[in-house]
Amino acid sequence: MKVLTAPVEEVPVDELAFKVFIKAIELLGGPRKLIEYRNLTWVPSLMAASYAVILRDKKMKTTEEIAEFIGISTQTVKKILSADPEAVMRKVKGELEELDDHVAGGLAKEAWRRLKAGEDLQITIDSSRAVLEAVESPPWAVLVLKRIKGLDFPVESAEILRERLRGIEVDGKNVSELLDKISYPVRSPAELLKKLKEAST
């Protein structure tokens, strides 16, 4: 007798991580506020944290599996997943001076908690992009994320990325040149950001 099983629902990891990322930016005060911080390390860190939270909660991945998928250390994944969202929100609001927690991890966890509770994105992805495009010097990482939306990972070669990322500069260097310096395959958007940053230094 043949046993019928329900099909396993595919978790849209990239889509959920991007929503968490946008919600976290919203919690910071919106795209303009993020740019005011003038700290580019926040963007890739926040993207990595968004992926870590989704991979743990929706895919039940281990710390090691998450670290491999994103391209970061297991220690960083542990810091992201153990961050206290409440303390991080107090830090962001200026209520706490010192904080040992992983700020991006706490923001991503709080963003995901609110999205799961049914809280809508107050700034839509499209309007976030419109604001970013209106800013004189948007962070390169946000532009990269915008251009690769919908791209399937892993990416096996520079040619797949070259057309999408045309015209972007990473720390004053043409992204096209940097794409030839990084190793392939690139397994995730967060890993792409990390490799581009490393190639630019």
Protein backbone atom coordinates (compact mmCIF):
# COMPACT_ATOMS: atom_id res chain seq x y z
CA MET A 1 0.00 0.00 0.00
CA LYS A 2 1.37 3.36 -1.03
CA VAL A 3 1.53 5.96 1.74
CA LEU A 4 0.79 9.49 0.62
CA THR A 5 2.69 12.23 2.39
CA ALA A 6 2.04 15.94 2.26
CA PRO A 7 4.57 17.83 0.14
CA VAL A 8 7.21 19.63 2.15
CA GLU A 9 6.65 23.36 1.89
CA GLU A 10 9.69 25.15 0.51
CA VAL A 11 10.78 27.97 2.80
CA PRO A 12 11.54 31.17 0.83
CA VAL A 13 14.71 31.90 2.81
CA ASP A 14 15.96 34.78 0.66
CA GLU A 15 12.57 36.52 0.67
CA LEU A 16 12.09 36.15 4.43
CA ALA A 17 15.64 37.27 5.22
CA PHE A 18 15.15 40.35 3.04
CA LYS A 19 11.91 41.19 4.85
CA VAL A 20 13.66 40.84 8.21
CA PHE A 21 16.47 43.07 6.90
CA ILE A 22 13.99 45.78 5.81
CA LYS A 23 12.05 45.50 9.08
CA ALA A 24 15.30 45.88 11.04
CA ILE A 25 16.15 49.03 9.06
CA GLU A 26 12.67 50.27 9.91
CA LEU A 27 13.40 49.66 13.62
CA LEU A 28 16.53 51.78 13.26
CA GLY A 29 14.44 54.66 11.93
CA GLY A 30 14.41 53.97 8.20
CA PRO A 31 16.98 54.02 5.37
CA ARG A 32 17.99 57.63 5.90
CA LYS A 33 18.70 56.96 9.55
CA LEU A 34 20.86 53.98 8.63
CA ILE A 35 22.85 56.12 6.23
CA GLU A 36 23.27 58.78 8.93
CA TYR A 37 25.14 56.25 11.04
CA ARG A 38 27.78 56.17 8.26
CA ASN A 39 28.82 52.67 9.27
CA LEU A 40 28.87 50.33 6.27
CA THR A 41 29.65 47.34 8.44
CA TRP A 42 26.07 47.51 9.73
CA VAL A 43 24.58 46.59 6.37
CA PRO A 44 26.31 43.26 5.69
CA SER A 45 26.17 42.43 9.41
CA LEU A 46 22.42 43.08 9.47
CA MET A 47 21.92 41.01 6.31
CA ALA A 48 23.93 38.12 7.79
CA ALA A 49 21.93 38.33 11.02
CA SER A 50 18.66 38.30 9.06
CA TYR A 51 19.69 35.10 7.31
CA ALA A 52 20.87 33.50 10.56
CA VAL A 53 17.55 34.16 12.28
CA ILE A 54 15.51 32.76 9.38
CA LEU A 55 17.73 29.72 8.88
CA ARG A 56 17.47 28.82 12.57
CA ASP A 57 13.75 29.47 12.96
CA LYS A 58 12.36 28.26 9.63
CA LYS A 59 14.92 25.69 8.48
CA MET A 60 16.12 24.48 11.91
CA LYS A 61 19.74 24.74 10.78
CA THR A 62 22.58 24.19 13.24
CA THR A 63 25.05 26.91 14.14
CA GLU A 64 27.64 25.24 11.91
CA GLU A 65 25.25 24.94 8.96
CA ILE A 66 24.24 28.58 9.28
CA ALA A 67 27.88 29.69 9.45
CA GLU A 68 28.71 27.72 6.31
CA PHE A 69 25.66 29.02 4.41
CA ILE A 70 26.33 32.68 5.23
CA GLY A 71 30.12 32.52 5.14
CA ILE A 72 30.79 33.72 8.71
CA SER A 73 32.28 32.09 11.79
CA THR A 74 30.25 29.83 14.09
CA GLN A 75 31.16 32.19 16.94
CA THR A 76 29.52 35.10 15.12
CA VAL A 77 26.40 32.99 14.49
CA LYS A 78 26.26 32.15 18.21
CA LYS A 79 26.50 35.86 19.09
CA ILE A 80 23.73 36.72 16.62
CA LEU A 81 21.39 34.03 17.93
CA SER A 82 22.05 34.76 21.62
CA ALA A 83 21.61 38.54 21.32
CA ASP A 84 18.98 40.08 23.58
CA PRO A 85 16.55 42.03 21.34
CA GLU A 86 15.20 44.09 24.25
CA ALA A 87 18.67 45.23 25.33
CA VAL A 88 19.66 45.98 21.74
CA MET A 89 16.55 48.11 21.20
CA ARG A 90 17.40 50.06 24.36
CA LYS A 91 20.94 50.56 23.02
CA VAL A 92 19.63 51.80 19.66
CA LYS A 93 17.32 54.25 21.43
CA GLY A 94 20.27 55.57 23.46
CA GLU A 95 19.04 54.18 26.78
CA LEU A 96 22.13 51.99 27.25
CA GLU A 97 25.73 53.15 26.98
CA GLU A 98 27.52 49.80 26.84
CA LEU A 99 26.26 46.56 25.36
CA ASP A 100 28.06 43.27 24.75
CA ASP A 101 25.27 41.81 22.62
CA HIS A 102 25.48 41.56 18.84
CA VAL A 103 23.48 44.65 17.78
CA ALA A 104 22.58 43.40 14.29
CA GLY A 105 21.56 40.05 15.78
CA GLY A 106 19.25 41.70 18.30
CA LEU A 107 17.71 43.89 15.60
CA ALA A 108 17.12 40.92 13.29
CA LYS A 109 15.56 38.88 16.10
CA GLU A 110 13.25 41.74 17.06
CA ALA A 111 12.33 42.35 13.42
CA TRP A 112 11.49 38.67 12.91
CA ARG A 113 9.46 38.57 16.16
CA ARG A 114 7.36 41.49 14.97
CA LEU A 115 6.87 40.09 11.47
CA LYS A 116 5.77 36.73 12.90
CA ALA A 117 3.34 38.55 15.20
CA GLY A 118 1.70 39.99 12.09
CA GLU A 119 3.19 43.47 12.16
CA ASP A 120 3.41 44.79 8.62
CA LEU A 121 6.38 46.52 7.10
CA GLN A 122 5.76 50.22 7.66
CA ILE A 123 8.22 51.06 4.91
CA THR A 124 7.71 48.89 1.87
CA ILE A 125 10.68 47.49 0.00
CA ASP A 126 9.88 49.72 -2.99
CA SER A 127 9.63 52.92 -0.93
CA SER A 128 12.84 52.02 0.88
CA ARG A 129 14.57 51.84 -2.48
CA ALA A 130 13.11 55.16 -3.56
CA VAL A 131 14.52 56.82 -0.44
CA LEU A 132 17.91 55.18 -0.98
CA GLU A 133 18.02 56.34 -4.57
CA ALA A 134 17.29 59.89 -3.47
CA VAL A 135 20.25 59.94 -1.10
CA GLU A 136 23.49 61.32 -2.52
CA SER A 137 25.76 58.43 -1.53
CA PRO A 138 23.79 55.27 -0.61
CA PRO A 139 25.83 52.41 0.88
CA TRP A 140 27.15 50.10 -1.83
CA ALA A 141 25.93 47.04 0.04
CA VAL A 142 22.30 48.16 -0.12
CA LEU A 143 22.65 48.81 -3.86
CA VAL A 144 24.09 45.32 -4.35
CA LEU A 145 21.21 43.76 -2.40
CA LYS A 146 18.71 45.72 -4.46
CA ARG A 147 20.22 44.61 -7.78
CA ILE A 148 20.48 40.89 -6.89
CA LYS A 149 16.92 40.52 -5.61
CA GLY A 150 15.44 37.41 -7.21
CA LEU A 151 18.83 35.97 -8.20
CA ASP A 152 19.25 32.26 -7.52
CA PHE A 153 22.14 31.20 -5.29
CA PRO A 154 24.71 29.73 -5.41
CA VAL A 155 26.20 31.94 -8.15
CA GLU A 156 28.84 30.08 -10.13
CA SER A 157 30.60 32.88 -12.04
CA ALA A 158 31.30 36.61 -12.24
CA GLU A 159 29.39 36.94 -15.52
CA ILE A 160 26.06 36.27 -13.82
CA LEU A 161 26.66 39.21 -11.46
CA ARG A 162 28.48 41.64 -13.76
CA GLU A 163 25.44 42.93 -15.65
CA ARG A 164 23.28 43.31 -12.54
CA LEU A 165 25.94 45.17 -10.57
CA ARG A 166 27.21 47.41 -13.37
CA GLY A 167 28.14 50.92 -12.20
CA ILE A 168 28.38 50.14 -8.48
CA GLU A 169 31.55 51.12 -6.65
CA VAL A 170 32.73 49.39 -3.50
CA ASP A 171 34.87 51.74 -1.44
CA GLY A 172 35.81 53.61 -4.63
CA LYS A 173 36.58 50.48 -6.66
CA ASN A 174 34.57 49.29 -9.66
CA VAL A 175 32.54 46.23 -8.74
CA SER A 176 33.28 44.63 -12.11
CA GLU A 177 36.98 44.39 -11.24
CA LEU A 178 36.20 43.02 -7.77
CA LEU A 179 33.98 40.29 -9.21
CA ASP A 180 37.05 38.87 -10.98
CA LYS A 181 38.95 38.74 -7.67
CA ILE A 182 36.44 36.81 -5.56
CA SER A 183 36.12 33.04 -5.39
CA TYR A 184 33.13 31.12 -6.71
CA PRO A 185 30.60 29.73 -6.07
CA VAL A 186 29.04 32.47 -3.96
CA ARG A 187 26.49 30.74 -1.75
CA SER A 188 24.36 33.63 -0.47
CA PRO A 189 23.81 37.41 -0.67
CA ALA A 190 25.59 37.82 2.66
CA GLU A 191 28.62 35.92 1.37
CA LEU A 192 28.67 38.12 -1.76
CA LEU A 193 28.78 41.26 0.39
CA LYS A 194 31.56 39.81 2.51
CA LYS A 195 33.66 38.77 -0.51
CA LEU A 196 33.24 42.14 -2.22
CA LYS A 197 34.27 43.98 0.92
CA GLU A 198 37.36 41.76 1.33
CA ALA A 199 38.29 42.17 -2.35
CA SER A 200 38.08 45.97 -2.05
CA THR A 201 40.67 46.21 0.75
